[in-house]
């Protein structure tokens, strides 16, 4: 039985769901596939768990219970204080999993790749640093990042399949945010903007700071990742983005922002009423081409594929050389801790099946 060492950074909602899914895989399916994942390190924002061979499942379950009770890994009896995760990397290659939403780790991740480690990302920020960093992370095939676009939907893998079989990407379009998709359908049914945002946040469908979603930044990052994966040379500053938030709320703390978000209710009530009077609806749409990246609100007919989206569903449509008359599309839930964790786990499984690091 092969042992695949795992170092996971982040134990929020997605990170917790991932640990549970890994434990389930090890117990139910590991024997069938001939390998099991062994957590050698787990880190949150305040503490760490480490082990030379593996962290016992009982300890991992205790860590999850502690987190859900409002504690951190430093509160677990076997836990320790916060440590730079780079110090937890082993000399021999491991799977390095980043399920945080933090920036600033790009150089460390590149160094890990260069050392032979395999990286799996749910965190979009490292892939949206400068283009040279993206290429350093991805050029050798040692970084997978399905969950960065569309949670557990097969979007990155579909795009890679198109490219690796020689197809040519002409345009990618659609709704890339389950969070904003949920907001759009809530507004369509008459729910106040502030109420819809609070509901999405409570469900775990927003980023830790909802302004990352409302500003369009999260969708812009996804569009950039799709563009760069397609071979288009863009920087994040090249994305034209329409924000759903307000500049007046930009400098507030997250709690202050949530307290004052109702100031946007009238604006969206009026905008939506005007569009519906014309028999249209609004959707937050991204467009990726070799020449441009656009992200923002657009008025569409309710009976179109995009207009018919409901809840947190994502829709990604590829217009390619082969799929010209009838574009290829993927549609399904694009937000949620469980489906996002499943996208990460699938990338881990793909690496594990081919595990022969240098």
Foldseek 3Di string as FASTA:
>chain_A
DAEAEEAEEACDLLNVLLLVVLVVCQVPPCVVLVYHYFYQKYDYPWKIAGDPTHDDPVQSVVQSVQVVVPHHQCPRPRMNTHDDCLVRQDQDAHEYEYEAQDDDCLVVLLVNVVSFYAYEYLHLRSCQAALVSVCSNPVVPRYHYCLLWQQQFCDLVVLVVCVVVPWAFAKKKWAGALLQQALQQCVLVPHFNLVSNVVCVVQVRAHPQNQCVQQCVSVLSNLVSSQVSNVARDHSVQEATDGNADPVLVPDDSVVCSVPVSVCRVVSNVVQVVLVVVQWGKGFMWMHGSVGTYTGIDTGHCPDPRNVDHHSKIKMWTCIPVCPVPIDMIIDHRGDSNSNSNNSVVVVVVCVSVPDTD
